[in-house]
PDB file of N, CA and C in Angstrom:
ATOM      1  N   MET A   1       7.045   9.143   8.905  1.00  0.00           N
ATOM      2  CA  MET A   1       6.596   9.055   7.525  1.00  0.00           C
ATOM      3  C   MET A   1       6.251  10.459   7.026  1.00  0.00           C
ATOM      4  N   GLU A   2       7.013  10.902   6.046  1.00  0.00           N
ATOM      5  CA  GLU A   2       6.817  12.236   5.494  1.00  0.00           C
ATOM      6  C   GLU A   2       5.875  12.190   4.298  1.00  0.00           C
ATOM      7  N   LYS A   3       4.866  13.063   4.330  1.00  0.00           N
ATOM      8  CA  LYS A   3       3.952  13.162   3.183  1.00  0.00           C
ATOM      9  C   LYS A   3       4.578  14.045   2.122  1.00  0.00           C
ATOM     10  N   ILE A   4       4.446  13.620   0.871  1.00  0.00           N
ATOM     11  CA  ILE A   4       4.929  14.417  -0.249  1.00  0.00           C
ATOM     12  C   ILE A   4       3.767  14.664  -1.206  1.00  0.00           C
ATOM     13  N   LYS A   5       3.939  15.646  -2.080  1.00  0.00           N
ATOM     14  CA  LYS A   5       2.928  15.934  -3.090  1.00  0.00           C
ATOM     15  C   LYS A   5       3.302  15.232  -4.384  1.00  0.00           C
ATOM     16  N   GLY A   6       2.299  14.801  -5.104  1.00  0.00           N
ATOM     17  CA  GLY A   6       2.528  14.157  -6.384  1.00  0.00           C
ATOM     18  C   GLY A   6       1.367  14.398  -7.323  1.00  0.00           C
ATOM     19  N   GLU A   7       1.527  13.914  -8.542  1.00  0.00           N
ATOM     20  CA  GLU A   7       0.483  14.041  -9.558  1.00  0.00           C
ATOM     21  C   GLU A   7       0.257  12.673 -10.186  1.00  0.00           C
ATOM     22  N   VAL A   8      -1.002  12.323 -10.361  1.00  0.00           N
ATOM     23  CA  VAL A   8      -1.344  11.032 -10.956  1.00  0.00           C
ATOM     24  C   VAL A   8      -0.894  11.032 -12.417  1.00  0.00           C
ATOM     25  N   LYS A   9      -0.003  10.102 -12.737  1.00  0.00           N
ATOM     26  CA  LYS A   9       0.545   9.997 -14.094  1.00  0.00           C
ATOM     27  C   LYS A   9      -0.297   9.051 -14.944  1.00  0.00           C
ATOM     28  N   THR A  10      -0.646   7.905 -14.379  1.00  0.00           N
ATOM     29  CA  THR A  10      -1.519   6.942 -15.057  1.00  0.00           C
ATOM     30  C   THR A  10      -2.493   6.361 -14.039  1.00  0.00           C
ATOM     31  N   TRP A  11      -3.662   5.930 -14.516  1.00  0.00           N
ATOM     32  CA  TRP A  11      -4.627   5.263 -13.647  1.00  0.00           C
ATOM     33  C   TRP A  11      -5.477   4.324 -14.486  1.00  0.00           C
ATOM     34  N   ASN A  12      -5.622   3.072 -14.021  1.00  0.00           N
ATOM     35  CA  ASN A  12      -6.436   2.064 -14.686  1.00  0.00           C
ATOM     36  C   ASN A  12      -7.607   1.739 -13.761  1.00  0.00           C
ATOM     37  N   ASP A  13      -8.797   2.274 -14.079  1.00  0.00           N
ATOM     38  CA  ASP A  13      -9.982   2.057 -13.242  1.00  0.00           C
ATOM     39  C   ASP A  13     -10.347   0.586 -13.125  1.00  0.00           C
ATOM     40  N   GLN A  14     -10.260  -0.152 -14.227  1.00  0.00           N
ATOM     41  CA  GLN A  14     -10.670  -1.558 -14.222  1.00  0.00           C
ATOM     42  C   GLN A  14      -9.788  -2.413 -13.326  1.00  0.00           C
ATOM     43  N   GLN A  15      -8.486  -2.118 -13.294  1.00  0.00           N
ATOM     44  CA  GLN A  15      -7.575  -2.930 -12.489  1.00  0.00           C
ATOM     45  C   GLN A  15      -7.255  -2.296 -11.145  1.00  0.00           C
ATOM     46  N   GLY A  16      -7.606  -1.013 -10.960  1.00  0.00           N
ATOM     47  CA  GLY A  16      -7.465  -0.374  -9.656  1.00  0.00           C
ATOM     48  C   GLY A  16      -6.047  -0.009  -9.268  1.00  0.00           C
ATOM     49  N   PHE A  17      -5.231   0.380 -10.249  1.00  0.00           N
ATOM     50  CA  PHE A  17      -3.882   0.813  -9.916  1.00  0.00           C
ATOM     51  C   PHE A  17      -3.375   1.804 -10.941  1.00  0.00           C
ATOM     52  N   GLY A  18      -2.260   2.451 -10.593  1.00  0.00           N
ATOM     53  CA  GLY A  18      -1.627   3.398 -11.506  1.00  0.00           C
ATOM     54  C   GLY A  18      -0.293   3.844 -10.946  1.00  0.00           C
ATOM     55  N   TYR A  19       0.174   4.986 -11.437  1.00  0.00           N
ATOM     56  CA  TYR A  19       1.461   5.527 -11.001  1.00  0.00           C
ATOM     57  C   TYR A  19       1.335   7.019 -10.720  1.00  0.00           C
ATOM     58  N   ILE A  20       2.073   7.462  -9.720  1.00  0.00           N
ATOM     59  CA  ILE A  20       2.114   8.863  -9.321  1.00  0.00           C
ATOM     60  C   ILE A  20       3.531   9.360  -9.530  1.00  0.00           C
ATOM     61  N   SER A  21       3.660  10.562 -10.102  1.00  0.00           N
ATOM     62  CA  SER A  21       4.988  11.162 -10.258  1.00  0.00           C
ATOM     63  C   SER A  21       5.134  12.285  -9.241  1.00  0.00           C
ATOM     64  N   SER A  22       6.372  12.472  -8.781  1.00  0.00           N
ATOM     65  CA  SER A  22       6.668  13.509  -7.802  1.00  0.00           C
ATOM     66  C   SER A  22       8.076  14.009  -8.046  1.00  0.00           C
ATOM     67  N   LEU A  23       8.312  15.279  -7.779  1.00  0.00           N
ATOM     68  CA  LEU A  23       9.646  15.845  -7.964  1.00  0.00           C
ATOM     69  C   LEU A  23      10.675  15.085  -7.139  1.00  0.00           C
ATOM     70  N   GLY A  24      11.775  14.736  -7.749  1.00  0.00           N
ATOM     71  CA  GLY A  24      12.865  14.088  -7.032  1.00  0.00           C
ATOM     72  C   GLY A  24      12.648  12.623  -6.718  1.00  0.00           C
ATOM     73  N   GLU A  25      11.561  12.053  -7.176  1.00  0.00           N
ATOM     74  CA  GLU A  25      11.264  10.644  -6.903  1.00  0.00           C
ATOM     75  C   GLU A  25      11.015   9.921  -8.227  1.00  0.00           C
ATOM     76  N   ASP A  26      11.284   8.618  -8.230  1.00  0.00           N
ATOM     77  CA  ASP A  26      10.857   7.797  -9.361  1.00  0.00           C
ATOM     78  C   ASP A  26       9.332   7.702  -9.312  1.00  0.00           C
ATOM     79  N   ASP A  27       8.714   7.301 -10.420  1.00  0.00           N
ATOM     80  CA  ASP A  27       7.268   7.087 -10.398  1.00  0.00           C
ATOM     81  C   ASP A  27       6.950   6.044  -9.330  1.00  0.00           C
ATOM     82  N   VAL A  28       5.847   6.271  -8.632  1.00  0.00           N
ATOM     83  CA  VAL A  28       5.476   5.435  -7.498  1.00  0.00           C
ATOM     84  C   VAL A  28       4.190   4.679  -7.834  1.00  0.00           C
ATOM     85  N   PHE A  29       4.209   3.373  -7.636  1.00  0.00           N
ATOM     86  CA  PHE A  29       3.030   2.532  -7.849  1.00  0.00           C
ATOM     87  C   PHE A  29       1.972   2.879  -6.804  1.00  0.00           C
ATOM     88  N   VAL A  30       0.714   2.941  -7.226  1.00  0.00           N
ATOM     89  CA  VAL A  30      -0.388   3.168  -6.283  1.00  0.00           C
ATOM     90  C   VAL A  30      -1.504   2.167  -6.566  1.00  0.00           C
ATOM     91  N   HIS A  31      -1.971   1.517  -5.506  1.00  0.00           N
ATOM     92  CA  HIS A  31      -3.084   0.575  -5.573  1.00  0.00           C
ATOM     93  C   HIS A  31      -4.301   1.255  -4.956  1.00  0.00           C
ATOM     94  N   PHE A  32      -5.492   0.920  -5.446  1.00  0.00           N
ATOM     95  CA  PHE A  32      -6.696   1.589  -4.956  1.00  0.00           C
ATOM     96  C   PHE A  32      -6.861   1.492  -3.441  1.00  0.00           C
ATOM     97  N   SER A  33      -6.357   0.438  -2.836  1.00  0.00           N
ATOM     98  CA  SER A  33      -6.514   0.261  -1.389  1.00  0.00           C
ATOM     99  C   SER A  33      -5.736   1.297  -0.578  1.00  0.00           C
ATOM    100  N   ALA A  34      -4.795   2.013  -1.214  1.00  0.00           N
ATOM    101  CA  ALA A  34      -4.015   3.041  -0.520  1.00  0.00           C
ATOM    102  C   ALA A  34      -4.718   4.396  -0.514  1.00  0.00           C
ATOM    103  N   ILE A  35      -5.819   4.525  -1.253  1.00  0.00           N
ATOM    104  CA  ILE A  35      -6.518   5.809  -1.365  1.00  0.00           C
ATOM    105  C   ILE A  35      -7.402   6.023  -0.142  1.00  0.00           C
ATOM    106  N   GLN A  36      -7.199   7.153   0.528  1.00  0.00           N
ATOM    107  CA  GLN A  36      -7.925   7.480   1.749  1.00  0.00           C
ATOM    108  C   GLN A  36      -9.168   8.309   1.422  1.00  0.00           C
ATOM    109  N   ALA A  37     -10.093   7.732   0.671  1.00  0.00           N
ATOM    110  CA  ALA A  37     -11.334   8.405   0.295  1.00  0.00           C
ATOM    111  C   ALA A  37     -12.393   7.344   0.047  1.00  0.00           C
ATOM    112  N   TYR A  38     -13.652   7.762   0.102  1.00  0.00           N
ATOM    113  CA  TYR A  38     -14.750   6.826  -0.147  1.00  0.00           C
ATOM    114  C   TYR A  38     -14.656   6.253  -1.556  1.00  0.00           C
ATOM    115  N   GLU A  39     -14.438   7.140  -2.532  1.00  0.00           N
ATOM    116  CA  GLU A  39     -14.277   6.689  -3.911  1.00  0.00           C
ATOM    117  C   GLU A  39     -12.824   6.296  -4.133  1.00  0.00           C
ATOM    118  N   LYS A  40     -12.591   5.048  -4.403  1.00  0.00           N
ATOM    119  CA  LYS A  40     -11.234   4.509  -4.527  1.00  0.00           C
ATOM    120  C   LYS A  40     -10.730   4.577  -5.962  1.00  0.00           C
ATOM    121  N   ASN A  41     -10.739   5.793  -6.538  1.00  0.00           N
ATOM    122  CA  ASN A  41     -10.202   5.961  -7.885  1.00  0.00           C
ATOM    123  C   ASN A  41      -9.483   7.296  -7.975  1.00  0.00           C
ATOM    124  N   LEU A  42      -8.661   7.433  -8.976  1.00  0.00           N
ATOM    125  CA  LEU A  42      -7.910   8.658  -9.213  1.00  0.00           C
ATOM    126  C   LEU A  42      -8.100   9.074 -10.663  1.00  0.00           C
ATOM    127  N   THR A  43      -7.702  10.304 -10.961  1.00  0.00           N
ATOM    128  CA  THR A  43      -7.807  10.847 -12.310  1.00  0.00           C
ATOM    129  C   THR A  43      -6.431  11.316 -12.750  1.00  0.00           C
ATOM    130  N   VAL A  44      -6.045  11.008 -13.978  1.00  0.00           N
ATOM    131  CA  VAL A  44      -4.756  11.462 -14.501  1.00  0.00           C
ATOM    132  C   VAL A  44      -4.690  12.983 -14.378  1.00  0.00           C
ATOM    133  N   GLY A  45      -3.570  13.468 -13.834  1.00  0.00           N
ATOM    134  CA  GLY A  45      -3.372  14.896 -13.638  1.00  0.00           C
ATOM    135  C   GLY A  45      -3.805  15.392 -12.267  1.00  0.00           C
ATOM    136  N   GLU A  46      -4.508  14.574 -11.505  1.00  0.00           N
ATOM    137  CA  GLU A  46      -4.979  14.960 -10.178  1.00  0.00           C
ATOM    138  C   GLU A  46      -3.801  15.078  -9.211  1.00  0.00           C
ATOM    139  N   GLU A  47      -3.855  16.096  -8.339  1.00  0.00           N
ATOM    140  CA  GLU A  47      -2.811  16.276  -7.332  1.00  0.00           C
ATOM    141  C   GLU A  47      -3.186  15.498  -6.077  1.00  0.00           C
ATOM    142  N   VAL A  48      -2.192  14.838  -5.503  1.00  0.00           N
ATOM    143  CA  VAL A  48      -2.406  14.034  -4.305  1.00  0.00           C
ATOM    144  C   VAL A  48      -1.261  14.248  -3.322  1.00  0.00           C
ATOM    145  N   GLN A  49      -1.507  13.847  -2.075  1.00  0.00           N
ATOM    146  CA  GLN A  49      -0.449  13.750  -1.073  1.00  0.00           C
ATOM    147  C   GLN A  49      -0.306  12.272  -0.758  1.00  0.00           C
ATOM    148  N   LEU A  50       0.921  11.843  -0.497  1.00  0.00           N
ATOM    149  CA  LEU A  50       1.151  10.427  -0.248  1.00  0.00           C
ATOM    150  C   LEU A  50       2.401  10.222   0.590  1.00  0.00           C
ATOM    151  N   VAL A  51       2.514   9.036   1.112  1.00  0.00           N
ATOM    152  CA  VAL A  51       3.726   8.581   1.786  1.00  0.00           C
ATOM    153  C   VAL A  51       4.309   7.488   0.905  1.00  0.00           C
ATOM    154  N   VAL A  52       5.609   7.546   0.653  1.00  0.00           N
ATOM    155  CA  VAL A  52       6.268   6.518  -0.160  1.00  0.00           C
ATOM    156  C   VAL A  52       6.852   5.468   0.777  1.00  0.00           C
ATOM    157  N   VAL A  53       6.497   4.213   0.529  1.00  0.00           N
ATOM    158  CA  VAL A  53       6.999   3.101   1.334  1.00  0.00           C
ATOM    159  C   VAL A  53       7.621   2.067   0.403  1.00  0.00           C
ATOM    160  N   PRO A  54       8.531   1.233   0.922  1.00  0.00           N
ATOM    161  CA  PRO A  54       9.104   0.180   0.082  1.00  0.00           C
ATOM    162  C   PRO A  54       8.043  -0.875  -0.236  1.00  0.00           C
ATOM    163  N   GLY A  55       7.993  -1.282  -1.495  1.00  0.00           N
ATOM    164  CA  GLY A  55       7.078  -2.337  -1.912  1.00  0.00           C
ATOM    165  C   GLY A  55       7.872  -3.509  -2.455  1.00  0.00           C
ATOM    166  N   VAL A  56       7.184  -4.568  -2.797  1.00  0.00           N
ATOM    167  CA  VAL A  56       7.829  -5.772  -3.319  1.00  0.00           C
ATOM    168  C   VAL A  56       8.600  -5.470  -4.600  1.00  0.00           C
ATOM    169  N   ARG A  57       8.032  -4.595  -5.449  1.00  0.00           N
ATOM    170  CA  ARG A  57       8.658  -4.294  -6.745  1.00  0.00           C
ATOM    171  C   ARG A  57       9.185  -2.868  -6.840  1.00  0.00           C
ATOM    172  N   GLY A  58       9.424  -2.238  -5.718  1.00  0.00           N
ATOM    173  CA  GLY A  58       9.930  -0.863  -5.735  1.00  0.00           C
ATOM    174  C   GLY A  58       9.060   0.046  -4.885  1.00  0.00           C
ATOM    175  N   PRO A  59       9.267   1.368  -5.013  1.00  0.00           N
ATOM    176  CA  PRO A  59       8.504   2.302  -4.182  1.00  0.00           C
ATOM    177  C   PRO A  59       7.002   2.188  -4.439  1.00  0.00           C
ATOM    178  N   GLN A  60       6.242   2.324  -3.359  1.00  0.00           N
ATOM    179  CA  GLN A  60       4.795   2.188  -3.434  1.00  0.00           C
ATOM    180  C   GLN A  60       4.151   3.304  -2.619  1.00  0.00           C
ATOM    181  N   ALA A  61       3.003   3.784  -3.070  1.00  0.00           N
ATOM    182  CA  ALA A  61       2.282   4.847  -2.374  1.00  0.00           C
ATOM    183  C   ALA A  61       1.431   4.268  -1.251  1.00  0.00           C
ATOM    184  N   ALA A  62       1.396   4.999  -0.139  1.00  0.00           N
ATOM    185  CA  ALA A  62       0.528   4.660   0.984  1.00  0.00           C
ATOM    186  C   ALA A  62      -0.144   5.944   1.450  1.00  0.00           C
ATOM    187  N   LEU A  63      -1.258   5.807   2.138  1.00  0.00           N
ATOM    188  CA  LEU A  63      -1.973   6.955   2.705  1.00  0.00           C
ATOM    189  C   LEU A  63      -2.185   8.067   1.677  1.00  0.00           C
ATOM    190  N   VAL A  64      -2.704   7.693   0.518  1.00  0.00           N
ATOM    191  CA  VAL A  64      -2.907   8.645  -0.580  1.00  0.00           C
ATOM    192  C   VAL A  64      -4.165   9.470  -0.318  1.00  0.00           C
ATOM    193  N   GLU A  65      -3.999  10.792  -0.336  1.00  0.00           N
ATOM    194  CA  GLU A  65      -5.122  11.707  -0.139  1.00  0.00           C
ATOM    195  C   GLU A  65      -5.233  12.640  -1.332  1.00  0.00           C
ATOM    196  N   LYS A  66      -6.443  12.790  -1.834  1.00  0.00           N
ATOM    197  CA  LYS A  66      -6.687  13.737  -2.921  1.00  0.00           C
ATOM    198  C   LYS A  66      -6.581  15.143  -2.345  1.00  0.00           C
ATOM    199  N   MET A  67      -5.917  16.029  -3.078  1.00  0.00           N
ATOM    200  CA  MET A  67      -5.775  17.402  -2.606  1.00  0.00           C
ATOM    201  C   MET A  67      -6.993  18.201  -3.043  1.00  0.00           C
ATOM    202  N   ARG A  68      -7.561  18.914  -2.097  1.00  0.00           N
ATOM    203  CA  ARG A  68      -8.723  19.760  -2.384  1.00  0.00           C
ATOM    204  C   ARG A  68      -8.238  21.164  -2.680  1.00  0.00           C
ATOM    205  N   HIS A  69      -8.859  21.781  -3.643  1.00  0.00           N
ATOM    206  CA  HIS A  69      -8.525  23.159  -3.984  1.00  0.00           C
ATOM    207  C   HIS A  69      -9.585  24.074  -3.379  1.00  0.00           C
ATOM    208  N   GLU A  70      -9.190  25.281  -3.030  1.00  0.00           N
ATOM    209  CA  GLU A  70     -10.081  26.214  -2.344  1.00  0.00           C
ATOM    210  C   GLU A  70     -11.382  26.464  -3.086  1.00  0.00           C
ATOM    211  N   ASN A  71     -11.367  26.440  -4.411  1.00  0.00           N
ATOM    212  CA  ASN A  71     -12.579  26.747  -5.169  1.00  0.00           C
ATOM    213  C   ASN A  71     -13.452  25.525  -5.440  1.00  0.00           C
ATOM    214  N   GLU A  72     -13.087  24.352  -4.941  1.00  0.00           N
ATOM    215  CA  GLU A  72     -13.899  23.150  -5.153  1.00  0.00           C
ATOM    216  C   GLU A  72     -15.176  23.236  -4.335  1.00  0.00           C
ATOM    217  N   GLY A  73     -16.251  22.763  -4.908  1.00  0.00           N
ATOM    218  CA  GLY A  73     -17.510  22.703  -4.187  1.00  0.00           C
ATOM    219  C   GLY A  73     -18.252  24.023  -4.138  1.00  0.00           C
ATOM    220  N   LYS A  74     -17.800  25.023  -4.881  1.00  0.00           N
ATOM    221  CA  LYS A  74     -18.480  26.324  -4.875  1.00  0.00           C
ATOM    222  C   LYS A  74     -19.281  26.498  -6.132  1.00  0.00           C
TER     223      LYS A  74
END
């Protein structure tokens, strides 16, 4: 399973899902349960790493990790 980088295109906090865009890939569905963090939400424009797996309705994100930037937390 290869991890790729993507950017959150849409996110619905109330329903717990959205879509991630990545170069060379169609938009990928993401469910909150795939997020590998304590806070199970994403922000539009946020950079993430993910694995794309086949889902019932097309490509789906798995093992989604928020990307940390060097200047975060300073």
